[in-house]
């Protein structure tokens, strides 16, 4: 279920995906809700493009740390590649 920002207060929300298109974001919302997972979505800026790099706006999806692995599994089952931070 989609949650407001106050749901994540006092926790360390984990970024699981950056949707670059509205259609993609709406589909992922439907998948996560159908799986019974709590998540947050926030519009934010990211840099995209290889030759013509530009700043764009995407939908950033977050979950609590304890459901991160389950969210990744559900996403993979539906053809999504979860965000993995580069260390």
PDB file of N, CA and C in Angstrom:
ATOM      1  N   UNK A   1       0.841  -1.168   0.000  1.00  0.00           N
ATOM      2  CA  UNK A   1       0.000   0.000   0.000  1.00  0.00           C
ATOM      3  C   UNK A   1       0.890   1.237   0.000  1.00  0.00           C
ATOM      4  N   UNK A   2       0.499   2.232  -0.759  1.00  0.00           N
ATOM      5  CA  UNK A   2       1.258   3.481  -0.842  1.00  0.00           C
ATOM      6  C   UNK A   2       1.130   4.235   0.483  1.00  0.00           C
ATOM      7  N   UNK A   3       2.267   4.672   1.006  1.00  0.00           N
ATOM      8  CA  UNK A   3       2.309   5.361   2.302  1.00  0.00           C
ATOM      9  C   UNK A   3       2.831   6.778   2.145  1.00  0.00           C
ATOM     10  N   UNK A   4       2.420   7.650   3.075  1.00  0.00           N
ATOM     11  CA  UNK A   4       2.910   9.025   3.111  1.00  0.00           C
ATOM     12  C   UNK A   4       4.298   9.067   3.742  1.00  0.00           C
ATOM     13  N   UNK A   5       4.944  10.216   3.635  1.00  0.00           N
ATOM     14  CA  UNK A   5       6.303  10.390   4.149  1.00  0.00           C
ATOM     15  C   UNK A   5       6.393  10.159   5.648  1.00  0.00           C
ATOM     16  N   UNK A   6       5.350  10.501   6.401  1.00  0.00           N
ATOM     17  CA  UNK A   6       5.406  10.335   7.853  1.00  0.00           C
ATOM     18  C   UNK A   6       5.489   8.867   8.278  1.00  0.00           C
ATOM     19  N   UNK A   7       5.089   7.944   7.415  1.00  0.00           N
ATOM     20  CA  UNK A   7       5.210   6.512   7.690  1.00  0.00           C
ATOM     21  C   UNK A   7       6.682   6.109   7.847  1.00  0.00           C
ATOM     22  N   UNK A   8       7.566   6.810   7.152  1.00  0.00           N
ATOM     23  CA  UNK A   8       8.985   6.477   7.146  1.00  0.00           C
ATOM     24  C   UNK A   8       9.795   7.242   8.193  1.00  0.00           C
ATOM     25  N   UNK A   9       9.160   8.156   8.932  1.00  0.00           N
ATOM     26  CA  UNK A   9       9.873   8.927   9.951  1.00  0.00           C
ATOM     27  C   UNK A   9      10.491   7.997  10.996  1.00  0.00           C
ATOM     28  N   UNK A  10      11.736   8.277  11.334  1.00  0.00           N
ATOM     29  CA  UNK A  10      12.445   7.469  12.323  1.00  0.00           C
ATOM     30  C   UNK A  10      13.001   6.172  11.760  1.00  0.00           C
ATOM     31  N   UNK A  11      12.845   5.948  10.466  1.00  0.00           N
ATOM     32  CA  UNK A  11      13.345   4.737   9.809  1.00  0.00           C
ATOM     33  C   UNK A  11      14.314   5.144   8.702  1.00  0.00           C
ATOM     34  N   UNK A  12      14.955   4.178   8.120  1.00  0.00           N
ATOM     35  CA  UNK A  12      15.894   4.414   7.024  1.00  0.00           C
ATOM     36  C   UNK A  12      15.288   3.847   5.740  1.00  0.00           C
ATOM     37  N   UNK A  13      14.462   4.634   5.020  1.00  0.00           N
ATOM     38  CA  UNK A  13      13.841   4.101   3.803  1.00  0.00           C
ATOM     39  C   UNK A  13      14.885   3.700   2.770  1.00  0.00           C
ATOM     40  N   UNK A  14      14.614   2.599   2.103  1.00  0.00           N
ATOM     41  CA  UNK A  14      15.541   2.051   1.112  1.00  0.00           C
ATOM     42  C   UNK A  14      15.005   2.295  -0.290  1.00  0.00           C
ATOM     43  N   UNK A  15      15.818   2.907  -1.150  1.00  0.00           N
ATOM     44  CA  UNK A  15      15.439   3.132  -2.541  1.00  0.00           C
ATOM     45  C   UNK A  15      15.454   1.796  -3.266  1.00  0.00           C
ATOM     46  N   UNK A  16      14.331   1.457  -3.928  1.00  0.00           N
ATOM     47  CA  UNK A  16      14.277   0.185  -4.649  1.00  0.00           C
ATOM     48  C   UNK A  16      14.137   0.360  -6.157  1.00  0.00           C
ATOM     49  N   UNK A  17      13.701   1.558  -6.597  1.00  0.00           N
ATOM     50  CA  UNK A  17      13.497   1.727  -8.038  1.00  0.00           C
ATOM     51  C   UNK A  17      13.325   3.201  -8.376  1.00  0.00           C
ATOM     52  N   UNK A  18      13.763   3.579  -9.571  1.00  0.00           N
ATOM     53  CA  UNK A  18      13.514   4.915 -10.107  1.00  0.00           C
ATOM     54  C   UNK A  18      12.765   4.727 -11.425  1.00  0.00           C
ATOM     55  N   UNK A  19      11.483   5.084 -11.420  1.00  0.00           N
ATOM     56  CA  UNK A  19      10.669   4.978 -12.632  1.00  0.00           C
ATOM     57  C   UNK A  19      10.880   6.236 -13.460  1.00  0.00           C
ATOM     58  N   UNK A  20      11.213   6.042 -14.713  1.00  0.00           N
ATOM     59  CA  UNK A  20      11.485   7.171 -15.592  1.00  0.00           C
ATOM     60  C   UNK A  20      10.261   7.588 -16.402  1.00  0.00           C
ATOM     61  N   UNK A  21       9.247   6.738 -16.420  1.00  0.00           N
ATOM     62  CA  UNK A  21       8.013   7.024 -17.158  1.00  0.00           C
ATOM     63  C   UNK A  21       6.818   6.813 -16.237  1.00  0.00           C
ATOM     64  N   UNK A  22       5.789   7.620 -16.436  1.00  0.00           N
ATOM     65  CA  UNK A  22       4.588   7.535 -15.611  1.00  0.00           C
ATOM     66  C   UNK A  22       3.940   6.157 -15.708  1.00  0.00           C
ATOM     67  N   UNK A  23       3.860   5.615 -16.910  1.00  0.00           N
ATOM     68  CA  UNK A  23       3.256   4.292 -17.114  1.00  0.00           C
ATOM     69  C   UNK A  23       3.977   3.232 -16.291  1.00  0.00           C
ATOM     70  N   UNK A  24       5.287   3.310 -16.265  1.00  0.00           N
ATOM     71  CA  UNK A  24       6.117   2.376 -15.503  1.00  0.00           C
ATOM     72  C   UNK A  24       5.858   2.532 -13.993  1.00  0.00           C
ATOM     73  N   UNK A  25       5.760   3.777 -13.532  1.00  0.00           N
ATOM     74  CA  UNK A  25       5.511   4.042 -12.116  1.00  0.00           C
ATOM     75  C   UNK A  25       4.144   3.518 -11.695  1.00  0.00           C
ATOM     76  N   UNK A  26       3.135   3.754 -12.504  1.00  0.00           N
ATOM     77  CA  UNK A  26       1.785   3.294 -12.171  1.00  0.00           C
ATOM     78  C   UNK A  26       1.706   1.771 -12.144  1.00  0.00           C
ATOM     79  N   UNK A  27       2.401   1.123 -13.056  1.00  0.00           N
ATOM     80  CA  UNK A  27       2.412  -0.348 -13.083  1.00  0.00           C
ATOM     81  C   UNK A  27       3.092  -0.902 -11.833  1.00  0.00           C
ATOM     82  N   UNK A  28       4.228  -0.310 -11.446  1.00  0.00           N
ATOM     83  CA  UNK A  28       4.926  -0.788 -10.253  1.00  0.00           C
ATOM     84  C   UNK A  28       4.091  -0.540  -9.002  1.00  0.00           C
ATOM     85  N   UNK A  29       3.404   0.593  -8.929  1.00  0.00           N
ATOM     86  CA  UNK A  29       2.515   0.840  -7.791  1.00  0.00           C
ATOM     87  C   UNK A  29       1.472  -0.263  -7.682  1.00  0.00           C
ATOM     88  N   UNK A  30       0.885  -0.638  -8.801  1.00  0.00           N
ATOM     89  CA  UNK A  30      -0.117  -1.695  -8.823  1.00  0.00           C
ATOM     90  C   UNK A  30       0.455  -3.036  -8.365  1.00  0.00           C
ATOM     91  N   UNK A  31       1.658  -3.343  -8.808  1.00  0.00           N
ATOM     92  CA  UNK A  31       2.317  -4.608  -8.443  1.00  0.00           C
ATOM     93  C   UNK A  31       2.620  -4.648  -6.953  1.00  0.00           C
ATOM     94  N   UNK A  32       3.210  -3.571  -6.411  1.00  0.00           N
ATOM     95  CA  UNK A  32       3.561  -3.542  -4.995  1.00  0.00           C
ATOM     96  C   UNK A  32       2.310  -3.579  -4.112  1.00  0.00           C
ATOM     97  N   UNK A  33       1.268  -2.858  -4.513  1.00  0.00           N
ATOM     98  CA  UNK A  33       0.015  -2.874  -3.759  1.00  0.00           C
ATOM     99  C   UNK A  33      -0.601  -4.267  -3.798  1.00  0.00           C
ATOM    100  N   UNK A  34      -0.606  -4.896  -4.958  1.00  0.00           N
ATOM    101  CA  UNK A  34      -1.141  -6.245  -5.101  1.00  0.00           C
ATOM    102  C   UNK A  34      -0.399  -7.267  -4.265  1.00  0.00           C
ATOM    103  N   UNK A  35       0.880  -7.030  -4.039  1.00  0.00           N
ATOM    104  CA  UNK A  35       1.701  -7.941  -3.226  1.00  0.00           C
ATOM    105  C   UNK A  35       1.554  -7.642  -1.728  1.00  0.00           C
ATOM    106  N   UNK A  36       0.823  -6.584  -1.395  1.00  0.00           N
ATOM    107  CA  UNK A  36       0.620  -6.244   0.017  1.00  0.00           C
ATOM    108  C   UNK A  36       1.812  -5.565   0.660  1.00  0.00           C
ATOM    109  N   UNK A  37       2.666  -4.934  -0.142  1.00  0.00           N
ATOM    110  CA  UNK A  37       3.855  -4.277   0.394  1.00  0.00           C
ATOM    111  C   UNK A  37       3.588  -2.791   0.623  1.00  0.00           C
ATOM    112  N   UNK A  38       4.110  -2.273   1.726  1.00  0.00           N
ATOM    113  CA  UNK A  38       4.039  -0.840   1.999  1.00  0.00           C
ATOM    114  C   UNK A  38       5.228  -0.172   1.326  1.00  0.00           C
ATOM    115  N   UNK A  39       4.974   0.941   0.646  1.00  0.00           N
ATOM    116  CA  UNK A  39       6.027   1.637  -0.083  1.00  0.00           C
ATOM    117  C   UNK A  39       5.707   3.126  -0.117  1.00  0.00           C
ATOM    118  N   UNK A  40       6.704   3.909  -0.418  1.00  0.00           N
ATOM    119  CA  UNK A  40       6.539   5.340  -0.610  1.00  0.00           C
ATOM    120  C   UNK A  40       7.046   5.727  -1.982  1.00  0.00           C
ATOM    121  N   UNK A  41       6.458   6.770  -2.547  1.00  0.00           N
ATOM    122  CA  UNK A  41       6.880   7.269  -3.856  1.00  0.00           C
ATOM    123  C   UNK A  41       7.109   8.763  -3.740  1.00  0.00           C
ATOM    124  N   UNK A  42       8.217   9.208  -4.320  1.00  0.00           N
ATOM    125  CA  UNK A  42       8.556  10.623  -4.266  1.00  0.00           C
ATOM    126  C   UNK A  42       9.124  11.039  -5.619  1.00  0.00           C
ATOM    127  N   UNK A  43       8.642  12.153  -6.132  1.00  0.00           N
ATOM    128  CA  UNK A  43       9.213  12.697  -7.373  1.00  0.00           C
ATOM    129  C   UNK A  43      10.531  13.379  -7.026  1.00  0.00           C
ATOM    130  N   UNK A  44      11.567  13.096  -7.813  1.00  0.00           N
ATOM    131  CA  UNK A  44      12.876  13.691  -7.568  1.00  0.00           C
ATOM    132  C   UNK A  44      13.636  13.765  -8.885  1.00  0.00           C
ATOM    133  N   UNK A  45      14.757  14.432  -8.856  1.00  0.00           N
ATOM    134  CA  UNK A  45      15.589  14.626 -10.047  1.00  0.00           C
ATOM    135  C   UNK A  45      16.640  13.523 -10.148  1.00  0.00           C
ATOM    136  N   UNK A  46      16.933  13.132 -11.377  1.00  0.00           N
ATOM    137  CA  UNK A  46      18.044  12.221 -11.665  1.00  0.00           C
ATOM    138  C   UNK A  46      18.682  12.679 -12.962  1.00  0.00           C
ATOM    139  N   UNK A  47      19.900  12.232 -13.208  1.00  0.00           N
ATOM    140  CA  UNK A  47      20.597  12.590 -14.445  1.00  0.00           C
ATOM    141  C   UNK A  47      20.503  11.397 -15.388  1.00  0.00           C
ATOM    142  N   UNK A  48      20.143  11.666 -16.635  1.00  0.00           N
ATOM    143  CA  UNK A  48      19.980  10.602 -17.610  1.00  0.00           C
ATOM    144  C   UNK A  48      20.554  11.001 -18.960  1.00  0.00           C
ATOM    145  N   UNK A  49      20.763   9.992 -19.787  1.00  0.00           N
ATOM    146  CA  UNK A  49      21.296  10.217 -21.127  1.00  0.00           C
ATOM    147  C   UNK A  49      22.767   9.874 -21.200  1.00  0.00           C
ATOM    148  N   UNK A  50      23.194   9.420 -22.367  1.00  0.00           N
ATOM    149  CA  UNK A  50      24.602   9.085 -22.556  1.00  0.00           C
ATOM    150  C   UNK A  50      25.347  10.197 -23.288  1.00  0.00           C
ATOM    151  N   UNK A  51      24.807  10.605 -24.401  1.00  0.00           N
ATOM    152  CA  UNK A  51      25.461  11.651 -25.187  1.00  0.00           C
ATOM    153  C   UNK A  51      24.988  13.023 -24.724  1.00  0.00           C
ATOM    154  N   UNK A  52      23.678  13.176 -24.627  1.00  0.00           N
ATOM    155  CA  UNK A  52      23.089  14.440 -24.184  1.00  0.00           C
ATOM    156  C   UNK A  52      22.571  14.257 -22.763  1.00  0.00           C
ATOM    157  N   UNK A  53      23.440  14.396 -21.805  1.00  0.00           N
ATOM    158  CA  UNK A  53      23.079  14.222 -20.401  1.00  0.00           C
ATOM    159  C   UNK A  53      22.213  15.397 -19.969  1.00  0.00           C
ATOM    160  N   UNK A  54      21.109  15.058 -19.288  1.00  0.00           N
ATOM    161  CA  UNK A  54      20.222  16.112 -18.805  1.00  0.00           C
ATOM    162  C   UNK A  54      19.634  15.696 -17.457  1.00  0.00           C
ATOM    163  N   UNK A  55      19.116  16.682 -16.761  1.00  0.00           N
ATOM    164  CA  UNK A  55      18.449  16.409 -15.492  1.00  0.00           C
ATOM    165  C   UNK A  55      16.981  16.150 -15.798  1.00  0.00           C
ATOM    166  N   UNK A  56      16.447  15.078 -15.237  1.00  0.00           N
ATOM    167  CA  UNK A  56      15.069  14.666 -15.484  1.00  0.00           C
ATOM    168  C   UNK A  56      14.374  14.416 -14.159  1.00  0.00           C
ATOM    169  N   UNK A  57      13.079  14.230 -14.207  1.00  0.00           N
ATOM    170  CA  UNK A  57      12.307  13.937 -12.995  1.00  0.00           C
ATOM    171  C   UNK A  57      11.741  12.531 -13.112  1.00  0.00           C
ATOM    172  N   UNK A  58      11.890  11.757 -12.030  1.00  0.00           N
ATOM    173  CA  UNK A  58      11.372  10.397 -11.999  1.00  0.00           C
ATOM    174  C   UNK A  58      10.644  10.137 -10.699  1.00  0.00           C
ATOM    175  N   UNK A  59      10.015   8.974 -10.623  1.00  0.00           N
ATOM    176  CA  UNK A  59       9.326   8.541  -9.412  1.00  0.00           C
ATOM    177  C   UNK A  59      10.249   7.588  -8.661  1.00  0.00           C
ATOM    178  N   UNK A  60      10.680   7.998  -7.479  1.00  0.00           N
ATOM    179  CA  UNK A  60      11.593   7.207  -6.658  1.00  0.00           C
ATOM    180  C   UNK A  60      10.769   6.385  -5.678  1.00  0.00           C
ATOM    181  N   UNK A  61      10.931   5.063  -5.698  1.00  0.00           N
ATOM    182  CA  UNK A  61      10.182   4.150  -4.841  1.00  0.00           C
ATOM    183  C   UNK A  61      11.037   3.727  -3.660  1.00  0.00           C
ATOM    184  N   UNK A  62      10.444   3.779  -2.463  1.00  0.00           N
ATOM    185  CA  UNK A  62      11.137   3.431  -1.230  1.00  0.00           C
ATOM    186  C   UNK A  62      10.337   2.407  -0.432  1.00  0.00           C
ATOM    187  N   UNK A  63      11.045   1.562   0.325  1.00  0.00           N
ATOM    188  CA  UNK A  63      10.430   0.637   1.271  1.00  0.00           C
ATOM    189  C   UNK A  63      11.256   0.649   2.558  1.00  0.00           C
ATOM    190  N   UNK A  64      10.705   0.077   3.603  1.00  0.00           N
ATOM    191  CA  UNK A  64      11.462  -0.080   4.848  1.00  0.00           C
ATOM    192  C   UNK A  64      12.478  -1.206   4.671  1.00  0.00           C
ATOM    193  N   UNK A  65      13.582  -1.155   5.402  1.00  0.00           N
ATOM    194  CA  UNK A  65      14.644  -2.162   5.228  1.00  0.00           C
ATOM    195  C   UNK A  65      14.178  -3.608   5.388  1.00  0.00           C
ATOM    196  N   UNK A  66      13.231  -3.850   6.280  1.00  0.00           N
ATOM    197  CA  UNK A  66      12.817  -5.232   6.537  1.00  0.00           C
ATOM    198  C   UNK A  66      12.005  -5.861   5.396  1.00  0.00           C
ATOM    199  N   UNK A  67      11.511  -5.072   4.468  1.00  0.00           N
ATOM    200  CA  UNK A  67      10.770  -5.637   3.333  1.00  0.00           C
ATOM    201  C   UNK A  67      11.501  -5.448   2.010  1.00  0.00           C
ATOM    202  N   UNK A  68      12.702  -4.954   2.073  1.00  0.00           N
ATOM    203  CA  UNK A  68      13.477  -4.681   0.856  1.00  0.00           C
ATOM    204  C   UNK A  68      13.674  -5.924  -0.008  1.00  0.00           C
ATOM    205  N   UNK A  69      14.113  -7.011   0.586  1.00  0.00           N
ATOM    206  CA  UNK A  69      14.367  -8.228  -0.187  1.00  0.00           C
ATOM    207  C   UNK A  69      13.080  -8.780  -0.797  1.00  0.00           C
ATOM    208  N   UNK A  70      11.980  -8.715  -0.059  1.00  0.00           N
ATOM    209  CA  UNK A  70      10.704  -9.183  -0.588  1.00  0.00           C
ATOM    210  C   UNK A  70      10.266  -8.303  -1.765  1.00  0.00           C
ATOM    211  N   UNK A  71      10.449  -6.994  -1.633  1.00  0.00           N
ATOM    212  CA  UNK A  71      10.107  -6.078  -2.719  1.00  0.00           C
ATOM    213  C   UNK A  71      10.956  -6.373  -3.959  1.00  0.00           C
ATOM    214  N   UNK A  72      12.235  -6.646  -3.760  1.00  0.00           N
ATOM    215  CA  UNK A  72      13.115  -6.986  -4.888  1.00  0.00           C
ATOM    216  C   UNK A  72      12.632  -8.262  -5.577  1.00  0.00           C
ATOM    217  N   UNK A  73      12.244  -9.242  -4.787  1.00  0.00           N
ATOM    218  CA  UNK A  73      11.773 -10.508  -5.358  1.00  0.00           C
ATOM    219  C   UNK A  73      10.513 -10.291  -6.193  1.00  0.00           C
ATOM    220  N   UNK A  74       9.560  -9.555  -5.646  1.00  0.00           N
ATOM    221  CA  UNK A  74       8.310  -9.267  -6.359  1.00  0.00           C
ATOM    222  C   UNK A  74       8.598  -8.495  -7.645  1.00  0.00           C
ATOM    223  N   UNK A  75       9.493  -7.524  -7.570  1.00  0.00           N
ATOM    224  CA  UNK A  75       9.832  -6.742  -8.752  1.00  0.00           C
ATOM    225  C   UNK A  75      10.452  -7.618  -9.839  1.00  0.00           C
ATOM    226  N   UNK A  76      11.372  -8.481  -9.455  1.00  0.00           N
ATOM    227  CA  UNK A  76      12.024  -9.363 -10.434  1.00  0.00           C
ATOM    228  C   UNK A  76      11.011 -10.295 -11.088  1.00  0.00           C
ATOM    229  N   UNK A  77      10.044 -10.786 -10.299  1.00  0.00           N
ATOM    230  CA  UNK A  77       9.009 -11.674 -10.837  1.00  0.00           C
ATOM    231  C   UNK A  77       8.189 -10.983 -11.923  1.00  0.00           C
ATOM    232  N   UNK A  78       8.134  -9.651 -11.884  1.00  0.00           N
ATOM    233  CA  UNK A  78       7.356  -8.893 -12.852  1.00  0.00           C
ATOM    234  C   UNK A  78       8.236  -8.157 -13.875  1.00  0.00           C
ATOM    235  N   UNK A  79       9.497  -8.557 -13.962  1.00  0.00           N
ATOM    236  CA  UNK A  79      10.375  -8.020 -14.998  1.00  0.00           C
ATOM    237  C   UNK A  79      11.083  -6.717 -14.666  1.00  0.00           C
ATOM    238  N   UNK A  80      11.045  -6.298 -13.409  1.00  0.00           N
ATOM    239  CA  UNK A  80      11.747  -5.075 -13.010  1.00  0.00           C
ATOM    240  C   UNK A  80      13.133  -5.418 -12.494  1.00  0.00           C
ATOM    241  N   UNK A  81      14.063  -4.515 -12.703  1.00  0.00           N
ATOM    242  CA  UNK A  81      15.406  -4.664 -12.156  1.00  0.00           C
ATOM    243  C   UNK A  81      15.532  -3.676 -11.001  1.00  0.00           C
ATOM    244  N   UNK A  82      15.547  -4.170  -9.744  1.00  0.00           N
ATOM    245  CA  UNK A  82      15.612  -3.275  -8.578  1.00  0.00           C
ATOM    246  C   UNK A  82      16.887  -2.439  -8.566  1.00  0.00           C
ATOM    247  N   UNK A  83      16.766  -1.265  -7.983  1.00  0.00           N
ATOM    248  CA  UNK A  83      17.904  -0.388  -7.819  1.00  0.00           C
ATOM    249  C   UNK A  83      18.877  -1.013  -6.819  1.00  0.00           C
ATOM    250  N   UNK A  84      20.133  -1.048  -7.176  1.00  0.00           N
ATOM    251  CA  UNK A  84      21.198  -1.509  -6.288  1.00  0.00           C
ATOM    252  C   UNK A  84      22.235  -0.396  -6.193  1.00  0.00           C
ATOM    253  N   UNK A  85      22.496   0.110  -5.000  1.00  0.00           N
ATOM    254  CA  UNK A  85      23.485   1.192  -4.878  1.00  0.00           C
ATOM    255  C   UNK A  85      24.876   0.732  -5.296  1.00  0.00           C
ATOM    256  N   UNK A  86      25.625   1.644  -5.884  1.00  0.00           N
ATOM    257  CA  UNK A  86      27.012   1.369  -6.269  1.00  0.00           C
ATOM    258  C   UNK A  86      27.895   1.807  -5.120  1.00  0.00           C
ATOM    259  N   UNK A  87      28.615   0.863  -4.553  1.00  0.00           N
ATOM    260  CA  UNK A  87      29.478   1.174  -3.407  1.00  0.00           C
ATOM    261  C   UNK A  87      30.824   1.678  -3.833  1.00  0.00           C
TER     262      UNK A  87
END
